[in-house]
N, C-alpha and C. Protein backbone atom coordinates (compact mmCIF):
# COMPACT_ATOMS: atom_id res chain seq x y z
N UNK A 1 1.64 18.86 72.31
CA UNK A 1 1.70 18.14 71.20
C UNK A 1 2.56 16.85 72.04
N UNK A 2 2.16 15.67 72.04
CA UNK A 2 2.86 14.33 72.67
C UNK A 2 3.34 13.87 71.63
N UNK A 3 4.79 13.88 71.40
CA UNK A 3 5.50 13.54 70.11
C UNK A 3 6.16 12.02 70.03
N UNK A 4 6.67 11.89 71.47
CA UNK A 4 7.34 10.25 71.85
C UNK A 4 6.47 9.92 73.22
N UNK A 5 6.63 8.54 73.25
CA UNK A 5 6.28 7.66 74.31
C UNK A 5 7.73 6.89 74.92
N UNK A 6 7.84 6.90 76.07
CA UNK A 6 9.01 5.95 76.40
C UNK A 6 8.69 5.36 77.60
N UNK A 7 8.45 4.17 77.82
CA UNK A 7 7.84 3.63 79.20
C UNK A 7 7.78 1.79 79.13
N UNK A 8 6.66 1.15 79.91
CA UNK A 8 6.73 0.00 79.93
C UNK A 8 5.29 -0.51 79.19
N UNK A 9 5.41 -1.30 78.45
CA UNK A 9 3.74 -1.85 77.66
C UNK A 9 3.39 -2.69 79.10
N UNK A 10 2.38 -2.36 79.27
CA UNK A 10 1.51 -2.92 80.30
C UNK A 10 0.01 -3.64 79.58
N UNK A 11 -0.27 -3.11 78.41
CA UNK A 11 -1.67 -3.85 77.81
C UNK A 11 -1.25 -3.87 76.08
N UNK A 12 -1.65 -4.92 75.90
CA UNK A 12 -1.42 -5.16 74.38
C UNK A 12 -2.55 -5.83 73.84
N UNK A 13 -3.60 -5.07 73.24
CA UNK A 13 -4.95 -5.45 72.38
C UNK A 13 -5.33 -4.84 71.49
N UNK A 14 -5.11 -5.48 70.31
CA UNK A 14 -5.49 -4.42 68.91
C UNK A 14 -6.68 -3.82 68.89
N UNK A 15 -6.88 -2.78 68.56
CA UNK A 15 -5.86 -1.99 67.89
C UNK A 15 -5.11 -1.02 68.98
N UNK A 16 -5.33 -1.10 70.24
CA UNK A 16 -4.52 -0.10 71.32
C UNK A 16 -3.48 -1.11 71.81
N UNK A 17 -2.88 0.03 72.76
CA UNK A 17 -1.78 -0.29 73.69
C UNK A 17 -2.13 0.75 74.88
N UNK A 18 -1.39 -0.06 76.14
CA UNK A 18 -1.64 0.89 77.31
C UNK A 18 0.30 1.16 77.53
N UNK A 19 0.87 2.33 77.45
CA UNK A 19 2.03 2.40 78.04
C UNK A 19 2.35 3.37 79.37
N UNK A 20 2.96 2.26 80.16
CA UNK A 20 3.10 3.32 81.39
C UNK A 20 4.48 4.22 81.43
N UNK A 21 4.35 5.08 81.84
CA UNK A 21 5.20 6.28 81.59
C UNK A 21 5.49 7.01 83.10
N UNK A 22 5.98 6.38 84.06
CA UNK A 22 6.28 6.96 85.37
C UNK A 22 5.09 7.11 86.26
N UNK A 23 4.37 5.94 86.18
CA UNK A 23 3.01 5.79 86.72
C UNK A 23 1.72 6.40 86.13
N UNK A 24 1.94 6.66 84.67
CA UNK A 24 0.83 7.49 84.17
C UNK A 24 0.59 6.47 83.06
N UNK A 25 -0.64 5.78 82.49
CA UNK A 25 -0.77 4.74 81.62
C UNK A 25 -1.43 5.48 80.28
N UNK A 26 -0.85 5.58 79.39
CA UNK A 26 -1.17 6.18 78.15
C UNK A 26 -1.67 5.38 77.23
N UNK A 27 -3.02 5.51 77.12
CA UNK A 27 -3.49 4.39 75.67
C UNK A 27 -3.38 4.83 74.20
N UNK A 28 -2.87 4.29 73.67
CA UNK A 28 -2.40 4.50 72.34
C UNK A 28 -2.98 3.82 71.56
N UNK A 29 -3.60 4.32 70.17
CA UNK A 29 -3.88 3.23 69.14
C UNK A 29 -2.96 3.13 68.20
N UNK A 30 -2.62 1.96 67.44
CA UNK A 30 -1.59 1.86 66.93
C UNK A 30 -1.76 0.93 65.51
N UNK A 31 -1.45 1.09 64.44
CA UNK A 31 -1.58 0.14 63.06
C UNK A 31 -1.10 -1.25 63.59
N UNK A 32 -1.35 -2.01 62.80
CA UNK A 32 -1.18 -3.63 62.89
C UNK A 32 0.60 -3.84 62.85
N UNK A 33 0.94 -3.09 61.77
CA UNK A 33 2.27 -3.04 61.23
C UNK A 33 3.19 -2.86 62.86
N UNK A 34 2.85 -1.69 63.43
CA UNK A 34 3.21 -1.29 64.44
C UNK A 34 3.21 -2.42 65.60
N UNK A 35 1.96 -2.75 65.58
CA UNK A 35 1.83 -3.73 66.94
C UNK A 35 2.44 -5.21 66.76
N UNK A 36 3.01 -5.45 65.55
CA UNK A 36 3.78 -6.77 65.44
C UNK A 36 5.38 -6.29 65.40
N UNK A 37 5.74 -5.04 65.67
CA UNK A 37 6.96 -5.05 66.19
C UNK A 37 6.94 -4.81 67.52
N UNK A 38 6.07 -4.59 68.33
CA UNK A 38 6.05 -4.31 69.70
C UNK A 38 6.87 -5.41 70.62
N UNK A 39 7.41 -4.94 71.84
CA UNK A 39 8.22 -6.40 72.65
C UNK A 39 6.77 -6.87 73.35
N UNK A 40 7.07 -7.76 74.36
CA UNK A 40 6.17 -8.32 75.03
C UNK A 40 5.70 -7.39 76.11
N UNK A 41 4.30 -7.88 76.96
CA UNK A 41 4.04 -6.78 77.75
C UNK A 41 4.71 -6.91 79.10
N UNK A 42 5.19 -6.14 79.85
CA UNK A 42 5.95 -5.53 80.95
C UNK A 42 7.22 -5.33 80.46
N UNK A 43 7.39 -5.18 79.10
CA UNK A 43 8.95 -4.63 78.41
C UNK A 43 9.08 -3.38 78.26
N UNK A 44 10.21 -2.90 78.14
CA UNK A 44 10.30 -1.33 77.58
C UNK A 44 9.90 -1.10 76.36
N UNK A 45 9.38 -0.02 75.93
CA UNK A 45 8.98 0.19 74.61
C UNK A 45 9.13 1.44 74.49
N UNK A 46 9.46 2.12 72.81
CA UNK A 46 9.18 3.56 72.76
C UNK A 46 8.35 3.38 71.46
N UNK A 47 7.48 4.65 71.61
CA UNK A 47 6.70 4.80 70.14
C UNK A 47 6.45 6.35 69.87
N UNK A 48 6.80 6.63 68.47
CA UNK A 48 6.69 7.71 68.16
C UNK A 48 5.01 8.18 68.01
N UNK A 49 4.42 9.37 68.42
CA UNK A 49 2.99 9.42 68.71
C UNK A 49 2.51 10.92 67.49
N UNK A 50 0.96 10.62 67.71
CA UNK A 50 0.50 11.74 67.17
C UNK A 50 -0.86 12.07 67.66
N UNK A 51 -0.71 13.27 68.43
CA UNK A 51 -2.23 14.09 69.31
C UNK A 51 -3.14 14.34 68.66
N UNK A 52 -4.43 13.67 68.57
CA UNK A 52 -5.42 14.41 67.78
C UNK A 52 -6.46 14.75 68.99
N UNK A 53 -6.85 16.23 68.88
CA UNK A 53 -7.79 16.44 70.19
C UNK A 53 -9.02 17.15 69.76
N UNK A 54 -9.98 16.35 69.85
CA UNK A 54 -11.40 16.67 69.81
C UNK A 54 -12.43 16.95 70.87
N UNK A 55 -13.47 17.64 70.63
CA UNK A 55 -14.36 18.09 71.54
C UNK A 55 -14.53 17.20 72.72
N UNK A 56 -14.79 15.87 72.05
CA UNK A 56 -15.09 14.74 73.13
C UNK A 56 -14.06 13.82 73.67
N UNK A 57 -12.81 13.83 73.04
CA UNK A 57 -11.79 13.14 73.52
C UNK A 57 -10.10 13.52 72.83
N UNK A 58 -9.35 13.25 73.56
CA UNK A 58 -7.91 13.47 73.33
C UNK A 58 -7.65 11.86 72.52
N UNK A 59 -7.27 11.64 71.13
CA UNK A 59 -6.58 10.55 70.75
C UNK A 59 -5.43 10.54 70.49
N UNK A 60 -4.77 9.24 71.01
CA UNK A 60 -3.25 9.34 70.67
C UNK A 60 -2.76 8.27 69.99
N UNK A 61 -2.49 8.53 68.93
CA UNK A 61 -1.70 7.36 68.00
C UNK A 61 -0.18 7.10 68.04
N UNK A 62 -0.10 5.65 68.00
CA UNK A 62 1.31 5.38 68.17
C UNK A 62 2.02 4.75 66.82
N UNK A 63 3.11 4.93 66.42
CA UNK A 63 3.92 4.31 65.21
C UNK A 63 5.54 3.77 65.78
N UNK A 64 5.79 2.70 65.14
CA UNK A 64 7.20 1.98 65.04
C UNK A 64 8.07 3.18 64.35
N UNK A 65 7.83 3.49 63.51
CA UNK A 65 8.84 4.41 62.82
C UNK A 65 8.53 5.61 62.08
N UNK A 66 9.34 6.42 62.05
CA UNK A 66 9.19 7.96 61.30
C UNK A 66 8.19 8.01 60.11
N UNK A 67 8.51 6.91 59.22
CA UNK A 67 7.79 6.74 58.25
C UNK A 67 6.32 6.52 58.40
N UNK A 68 6.10 5.67 59.17
CA UNK A 68 4.54 5.39 59.69
C UNK A 68 3.80 6.44 59.72
N UNK A 69 4.63 7.36 61.12
CA UNK A 69 4.23 8.47 61.58
C UNK A 69 3.76 9.27 60.30
N UNK A 70 4.97 9.51 59.41
CA UNK A 70 4.57 10.70 58.49
C UNK A 70 3.61 10.16 57.48
N UNK A 71 3.48 9.02 57.07
CA UNK A 71 2.21 8.64 56.22
C UNK A 71 1.42 8.76 56.81
N UNK A 72 1.07 8.53 58.00
CA UNK A 72 -0.52 8.80 59.03
C UNK A 72 -0.69 10.40 58.85
N UNK A 73 0.30 11.26 59.11
CA UNK A 73 -0.10 12.58 59.09
C UNK A 73 -0.50 13.15 57.73
N UNK A 74 0.14 12.75 56.74
CA UNK A 74 -0.06 12.97 55.36
C UNK A 74 -1.56 12.26 55.16
N UNK A 75 -2.01 11.10 55.17
CA UNK A 75 -3.00 10.37 55.06
C UNK A 75 -4.20 11.41 55.56
N UNK A 76 -4.12 11.60 56.49
CA UNK A 76 -5.24 12.58 57.46
C UNK A 76 -5.80 13.94 56.85
N UNK A 77 -4.76 14.36 56.29
CA UNK A 77 -5.01 15.54 55.17
C UNK A 77 -5.54 15.42 54.11
N UNK A 78 -5.73 14.01 53.77
CA UNK A 78 -6.49 13.83 52.35
C UNK A 78 -8.14 14.07 52.70
N UNK A 79 -8.79 14.47 51.74
CA UNK A 79 -10.34 14.76 52.01
C UNK A 79 -10.75 13.38 52.26
N UNK A 80 -12.02 13.27 53.31
CA UNK A 80 -12.44 11.96 53.44
C UNK A 80 -11.67 10.89 54.11
N UNK A 81 -10.45 11.26 54.43
CA UNK A 81 -9.52 10.17 55.15
C UNK A 81 -9.50 10.73 56.54
N UNK A 82 -10.23 9.95 57.52
CA UNK A 82 -10.07 10.09 58.87
C UNK A 82 -8.90 9.64 59.63
N UNK A 83 -8.73 9.39 60.96
CA UNK A 83 -7.57 9.04 61.69
C UNK A 83 -8.01 7.35 61.61
N UNK A 84 -9.26 6.78 61.85
CA UNK A 84 -9.61 5.52 61.67
C UNK A 84 -9.30 4.79 60.36
N UNK A 85 -9.41 5.66 59.38
CA UNK A 85 -9.18 4.90 58.04
C UNK A 85 -7.75 5.07 57.87
N UNK A 86 -7.18 6.06 58.04
CA UNK A 86 -5.52 6.10 57.88
C UNK A 86 -5.06 4.94 58.68
N UNK A 87 -5.29 4.93 59.84
CA UNK A 87 -4.76 3.47 60.57
C UNK A 87 -5.24 2.10 59.76
N UNK A 88 -6.30 1.99 59.69
CA UNK A 88 -6.76 0.87 58.77
C UNK A 88 -5.90 0.85 57.57
N UNK A 89 -5.32 1.72 57.06
CA UNK A 89 -4.59 1.87 55.73
C UNK A 89 -3.07 1.14 56.17
N UNK A 90 -2.51 1.43 57.27
CA UNK A 90 -1.36 1.32 57.71
C UNK A 90 -1.38 -0.05 58.21
N UNK A 91 -2.59 -0.47 58.56
CA UNK A 91 -2.68 -1.89 59.24
C UNK A 91 -2.56 -2.78 57.88
N UNK A 92 -2.93 -2.25 57.02
CA UNK A 92 -3.09 -3.40 55.68
C UNK A 92 -1.90 -3.41 54.63
N UNK A 93 -1.16 -2.47 54.67
CA UNK A 93 -0.08 -2.26 53.95
C UNK A 93 1.30 -1.42 54.28
N UNK A 94 2.28 -1.96 54.23
CA UNK A 94 3.82 -1.24 54.42
C UNK A 94 3.73 -0.06 53.88
N UNK A 95 4.48 1.10 54.62
CA UNK A 95 4.77 2.41 54.05
C UNK A 95 5.22 2.44 52.73
N UNK A 96 6.27 1.35 52.47
CA UNK A 96 7.14 1.31 50.92
C UNK A 96 5.83 0.93 49.95
N UNK A 97 5.33 0.01 50.19
CA UNK A 97 4.22 -0.28 49.31
C UNK A 97 3.18 0.46 49.09
N UNK A 98 2.70 1.20 49.84
CA UNK A 98 1.95 2.39 49.67
C UNK A 98 2.36 3.01 48.73
N UNK A 99 3.73 3.79 48.97
CA UNK A 99 4.31 4.75 48.21
C UNK A 99 4.38 4.16 46.84
N UNK A 100 4.76 2.86 46.66
CA UNK A 100 4.84 2.19 45.32
C UNK A 100 3.72 2.04 44.67
N UNK A 101 2.40 1.99 45.54
CA UNK A 101 1.03 2.07 44.95
C UNK A 101 0.67 3.55 44.26
N UNK A 102 1.14 4.27 45.07
CA UNK A 102 0.90 5.72 44.30
C UNK A 102 1.55 6.24 43.01
N UNK A 103 3.02 5.81 43.17
CA UNK A 103 3.78 5.79 42.01
C UNK A 103 3.26 5.35 40.84
N UNK A 104 2.51 4.03 41.24
CA UNK A 104 2.26 3.31 40.07
C UNK A 104 0.83 3.31 39.48
N UNK A 105 0.32 4.11 40.49
CA UNK A 105 -1.34 4.41 40.00
C UNK A 105 -1.86 3.04 40.13
N UNK A 106 -1.53 2.41 41.33
CA UNK A 106 -2.18 1.01 41.38
C UNK A 106 -3.47 1.12 42.44
N UNK A 107 -4.29 1.34 41.82
CA UNK A 107 -5.60 1.46 42.42
C UNK A 107 -6.15 0.00 43.16
N UNK A 108 -6.03 -0.98 42.52
CA UNK A 108 -6.69 -2.09 42.77
C UNK A 108 -6.18 -2.37 44.04
N UNK A 109 -4.56 -2.46 44.45
CA UNK A 109 -4.12 -2.90 45.64
C UNK A 109 -4.46 -2.03 46.76
N UNK A 110 -5.01 -0.78 46.69
CA UNK A 110 -5.38 0.09 47.65
C UNK A 110 -6.89 -0.27 47.96
N UNK A 111 -7.61 -0.68 47.03
CA UNK A 111 -9.17 -1.16 47.21
C UNK A 111 -9.29 -2.31 47.77
N UNK A 112 -8.20 -2.99 47.79
CA UNK A 112 -8.11 -4.41 48.52
C UNK A 112 -8.01 -3.81 50.01
N UNK A 113 -7.85 -2.69 50.53
CA UNK A 113 -7.73 -2.15 52.03
C UNK A 113 -9.08 -1.96 52.51
N UNK A 114 -9.32 -2.19 53.98
CA UNK A 114 -10.66 -2.21 54.51
C UNK A 114 -10.95 -0.63 54.40
N UNK A 115 -11.95 -0.44 53.93
CA UNK A 115 -12.89 1.00 53.80
C UNK A 115 -12.35 2.08 52.71
N UNK A 116 -11.65 1.40 51.88
CA UNK A 116 -11.14 2.01 50.36
C UNK A 116 -11.84 1.58 49.48
N UNK A 117 -12.59 2.46 48.71
CA UNK A 117 -13.47 2.13 47.18
C UNK A 117 -12.51 2.61 46.48
N UNK A 118 -13.27 2.22 45.19
CA UNK A 118 -12.25 2.76 43.79
C UNK A 118 -12.06 4.11 44.06
N UNK A 119 -13.15 4.95 44.06
CA UNK A 119 -12.99 6.75 44.27
C UNK A 119 -12.17 6.83 45.38
N UNK A 120 -12.01 6.55 46.38
CA UNK A 120 -11.09 6.89 47.33
C UNK A 120 -9.94 6.60 47.23
N UNK A 121 -9.72 5.38 46.28
CA UNK A 121 -8.25 4.89 46.19
C UNK A 121 -7.60 5.87 45.12
N UNK A 122 -8.71 6.34 44.12
CA UNK A 122 -7.98 7.34 43.06
C UNK A 122 -7.95 8.66 43.95
N UNK A 123 -8.54 9.09 44.64
CA UNK A 123 -8.01 10.18 45.39
C UNK A 123 -7.16 10.25 46.31
N UNK A 124 -6.78 9.09 46.95
CA UNK A 124 -5.59 9.09 47.55
C UNK A 124 -4.32 9.22 46.52
N UNK A 125 -4.35 8.11 45.72
CA UNK A 125 -3.09 8.65 44.42
C UNK A 125 -2.94 10.14 44.17
N UNK A 126 -4.28 10.83 43.89
CA UNK A 126 -3.79 12.05 43.46
C UNK A 126 -3.34 12.89 44.33
N UNK A 127 -3.88 12.80 45.53
CA UNK A 127 -3.71 13.68 46.94
C UNK A 127 -2.14 13.48 47.03
N UNK A 128 -2.22 12.15 47.49
CA UNK A 128 -0.61 11.68 48.02
C UNK A 128 0.64 11.44 46.81
N UNK A 129 0.25 11.97 45.53
CA UNK A 129 1.43 11.93 44.92
C UNK A 129 2.61 12.92 45.21
N UNK A 130 2.30 14.24 45.63
CA UNK A 130 3.38 15.31 45.69
C UNK A 130 3.65 14.86 47.20
N UNK A 131 2.84 14.65 47.85
CA UNK A 131 3.46 14.51 49.51
C UNK A 131 4.68 13.13 49.48
N UNK A 132 4.38 12.11 48.74
CA UNK A 132 5.55 10.83 48.64
C UNK A 132 6.41 11.08 47.75
N UNK A 133 6.70 12.25 46.90
CA UNK A 133 7.33 12.14 46.03
C UNK A 133 9.09 11.84 46.15
N UNK A 134 9.18 12.88 47.43
CA UNK A 134 10.49 12.61 47.70
C UNK A 134 10.71 11.50 48.73
N UNK A 135 9.92 10.50 48.82
CA UNK A 135 10.19 9.46 49.33
C UNK A 135 11.02 8.16 48.66
N UNK A 136 10.79 8.00 47.41
CA UNK A 136 11.38 7.07 46.30
C UNK A 136 11.03 7.50 45.13
N UNK A 137 12.11 7.25 44.00
CA UNK A 137 11.43 7.93 42.91
C UNK A 137 10.67 6.84 42.13
N UNK A 138 10.01 6.98 41.09
CA UNK A 138 8.85 5.54 41.08
C UNK A 138 9.89 4.33 40.06
N UNK A 139 11.09 4.97 39.28
CA UNK A 139 11.97 3.78 38.87
C UNK A 139 12.66 3.12 39.92
N UNK A 140 12.66 3.50 41.03
CA UNK A 140 13.47 2.52 42.19
C UNK A 140 12.52 1.80 42.72
N UNK A 141 11.44 2.49 43.12
CA UNK A 141 10.04 1.61 43.89
C UNK A 141 9.65 0.36 42.79
N UNK A 142 9.76 0.73 41.65
CA UNK A 142 9.18 -0.08 40.82
C UNK A 142 9.98 -1.35 40.47
N UNK A 143 11.07 -1.42 40.75
CA UNK A 143 11.96 -2.59 40.36
C UNK A 143 12.56 -3.27 41.85
N UNK A 144 11.87 -2.79 42.68
CA UNK A 144 11.92 -3.41 44.06
C UNK A 144 10.70 -4.64 44.21
N UNK A 145 11.56 -5.96 44.36
CA UNK A 145 10.47 -6.94 44.64
C UNK A 145 10.84 -7.32 45.99
N UNK A 146 9.72 -7.47 46.91
CA UNK A 146 9.90 -7.52 48.47
C UNK A 146 9.35 -9.17 48.80
N UNK A 147 9.84 -9.74 49.72
CA UNK A 147 9.26 -11.27 49.95
C UNK A 147 7.96 -10.63 51.09
N UNK A 148 7.13 -11.10 50.83
CA UNK A 148 5.63 -10.79 51.76
C UNK A 148 6.55 -11.19 53.64
N UNK A 149 6.12 -10.25 54.19
CA UNK A 149 6.46 -10.26 55.71
C UNK A 149 5.44 -10.70 56.26
N UNK A 150 5.42 -11.16 57.79
CA UNK A 150 4.55 -11.65 58.89
C UNK A 150 3.34 -10.41 58.88
N UNK A 151 3.78 -9.21 58.75
CA UNK A 151 2.96 -8.25 58.71
C UNK A 151 1.88 -7.71 57.49
N UNK A 152 2.48 -8.45 56.44
CA UNK A 152 1.69 -8.45 55.22
C UNK A 152 0.53 -9.35 55.41
N UNK A 153 1.08 -10.65 55.93
CA UNK A 153 0.15 -11.89 56.25
C UNK A 153 -1.12 -11.28 57.09
N UNK A 154 -0.85 -10.73 58.29
CA UNK A 154 -1.50 -10.41 59.26
C UNK A 154 -2.33 -9.15 58.67
N UNK A 155 -1.89 -8.05 58.04
CA UNK A 155 -2.73 -7.26 57.31
C UNK A 155 -3.92 -7.69 56.75
N UNK A 156 -3.59 -8.77 55.54
CA UNK A 156 -4.23 -9.13 54.41
C UNK A 156 -5.09 -10.13 55.38
N UNK A 157 -5.02 -10.78 56.44
CA UNK A 157 -5.75 -11.35 57.19
C UNK A 157 -7.15 -10.83 57.75
N UNK A 158 -6.71 -9.43 58.45
CA UNK A 158 -7.80 -8.38 58.96
C UNK A 158 -8.49 -8.04 57.82
N UNK A 159 -7.89 -7.67 56.73
CA UNK A 159 -8.71 -7.22 55.46
C UNK A 159 -9.45 -8.59 55.30
N UNK A 160 -9.21 -9.44 55.04
CA UNK A 160 -10.11 -10.79 54.58
C UNK A 160 -11.14 -10.96 55.39
N UNK A 161 -11.09 -10.57 56.87
CA UNK A 161 -12.21 -10.95 58.08
C UNK A 161 -13.15 -9.87 57.85
N UNK A 162 -12.71 -8.68 57.48
CA UNK A 162 -13.48 -7.15 57.22
C UNK A 162 -14.22 -7.33 56.09
N UNK A 163 -14.07 -8.03 55.32
CA UNK A 163 -14.35 -8.16 53.89
C UNK A 163 -15.71 -9.38 54.05
N UNK A 164 -15.36 -10.13 55.19
CA UNK A 164 -16.32 -11.14 55.27
C UNK A 164 -17.52 -10.87 56.32
N UNK A 165 -17.16 -9.50 56.85
CA UNK A 165 -18.33 -9.15 57.73
C UNK A 165 -18.17 -8.44 58.97
N UNK A 166 -17.02 -8.79 59.35
CA UNK A 166 -16.31 -8.59 60.70
C UNK A 166 -15.97 -7.05 60.82
N UNK A 167 -16.34 -6.51 62.10
CA UNK A 167 -15.95 -4.88 62.14
C UNK A 167 -14.48 -4.99 62.36
N UNK A 168 -13.48 -3.77 61.72
CA UNK A 168 -12.11 -3.89 62.14
C UNK A 168 -11.75 -3.98 63.23
N UNK A 169 -12.13 -3.63 64.39
CA UNK A 169 -11.83 -3.49 65.99
C UNK A 169 -11.56 -5.37 66.12
N UNK A 170 -12.85 -5.75 65.80
CA UNK A 170 -12.90 -7.47 66.14
C UNK A 170 -11.92 -8.09 65.29
N UNK A 171 -11.93 -7.99 64.08
CA UNK A 171 -10.97 -8.47 63.03
C UNK A 171 -9.59 -8.30 63.19
N UNK A 172 -9.08 -7.41 64.12
CA UNK A 172 -8.00 -7.24 64.57
C UNK A 172 -7.68 -7.87 65.83
N UNK A 173 -8.73 -7.84 66.86
CA UNK A 173 -8.57 -8.71 67.97
C UNK A 173 -8.42 -10.33 67.60
N UNK A 174 -9.40 -10.82 66.40
CA UNK A 174 -9.28 -12.39 66.43
C UNK A 174 -7.73 -12.39 65.97
N UNK A 175 -7.27 -11.80 65.00
CA UNK A 175 -5.96 -11.84 64.37
C UNK A 175 -4.83 -11.94 65.84
N UNK A 176 -4.97 -11.03 66.30
CA UNK A 176 -3.93 -10.74 67.59
C UNK A 176 -4.03 -11.74 68.66
N UNK A 177 -5.28 -12.66 68.93
CA UNK A 177 -5.27 -13.65 69.82
C UNK A 177 -4.51 -14.88 69.02
N UNK A 178 -4.45 -14.90 68.01
CA UNK A 178 -3.85 -16.21 67.18
C UNK A 178 -2.37 -16.04 67.11
N UNK A 179 -1.64 -17.20 67.48
CA UNK A 179 -0.06 -17.29 66.93
C UNK A 179 -0.17 -17.35 65.29
N UNK A 180 0.54 -16.04 64.78
CA UNK A 180 0.44 -16.28 63.43
C UNK A 180 1.90 -16.09 62.66
N UNK A 181 2.88 -16.50 63.57
CA UNK A 181 4.40 -16.58 63.02
C UNK A 181 3.93 -17.46 62.07
N UNK A 182 4.83 -17.41 60.85
CA UNK A 182 5.09 -18.14 59.37
C UNK A 182 3.90 -18.85 58.94
N UNK A 183 2.73 -18.10 59.05
CA UNK A 183 1.28 -18.23 58.62
C UNK A 183 1.01 -17.54 57.55
N UNK A 184 0.52 -18.15 56.36
CA UNK A 184 -0.24 -17.19 55.22
C UNK A 184 -1.18 -16.57 55.78
N UNK A 185 -1.78 -15.44 55.32
CA UNK A 185 -3.17 -14.71 55.71
C UNK A 185 -4.37 -16.08 55.65
N UNK A 186 -4.26 -16.66 54.66
CA UNK A 186 -5.49 -17.82 54.26
C UNK A 186 -5.34 -18.93 55.32
N UNK A 187 -4.20 -19.11 55.88
CA UNK A 187 -4.13 -20.08 57.21
C UNK A 187 -4.61 -19.35 58.13
N UNK A 188 -4.43 -17.99 58.54
CA UNK A 188 -4.74 -17.41 59.78
C UNK A 188 -6.25 -17.44 59.67
N UNK A 189 -6.82 -16.98 58.58
CA UNK A 189 -8.46 -16.89 58.37
C UNK A 189 -9.28 -18.16 58.67
N UNK A 190 -8.66 -19.23 58.28
CA UNK A 190 -9.12 -20.39 58.15
C UNK A 190 -9.10 -20.87 59.81
N UNK A 191 -8.35 -20.52 60.30
CA UNK A 191 -7.92 -20.99 61.82
C UNK A 191 -8.84 -20.09 62.59
N UNK A 192 -9.16 -18.96 62.22
CA UNK A 192 -10.10 -18.19 62.99
C UNK A 192 -11.42 -18.61 63.01
N UNK A 193 -11.72 -18.93 61.50
CA UNK A 193 -13.11 -19.35 61.34
C UNK A 193 -13.61 -20.83 61.82
N UNK A 194 -12.44 -21.78 62.01
CA UNK A 194 -12.51 -23.31 62.26
C UNK A 194 -12.58 -22.90 64.02
N UNK A 195 -12.04 -21.82 64.71
CA UNK A 195 -12.22 -21.81 66.32
C UNK A 195 -13.53 -21.29 66.47
N UNK A 196 -14.02 -20.35 65.51
CA UNK A 196 -15.41 -19.66 65.73
C UNK A 196 -16.26 -20.71 65.72
N UNK A 197 -16.24 -21.77 64.66
CA UNK A 197 -17.23 -22.42 64.47
C UNK A 197 -17.86 -23.12 65.53
């Protein structure tokens, strides 16, 4: 199992990056929340990883934090949630907000994520409740109010483009190519649609 990569970031194109570790380039798929925390190309980077081995491929997923990796590992244990959907969930919502949604039975926020319908959101809440029980008690998470972050705007923009009919990789690429600092999701989507017109 490859648990961690430390090297030089040589490619950064959502949803994947390439990290050079002593001459070997590892292609790693990352959620958008991790993508936006990465340094510039040609700089040192450390990612926590999870390796999935299939008959036709070895897939490496990377995460900026222990919480992101733990949530990814818990999500792929839920029936009907594969690695791609788990990555899309992590791209559209911060880990603490996801935990809060589970504690508060907030299916409406989860159904706003790409690829998550009402039944899947309900299953996520039921199956994830025990797994996130030790993350934070409901009364603490319910009282926390958090200002929107750049990752929130980016995730919402990607979700919005997917809702407009773009495929997830294309939506991620379009958002990544845009300078999104201090922009709302609406502004990001508007700029992308304008550039494509």
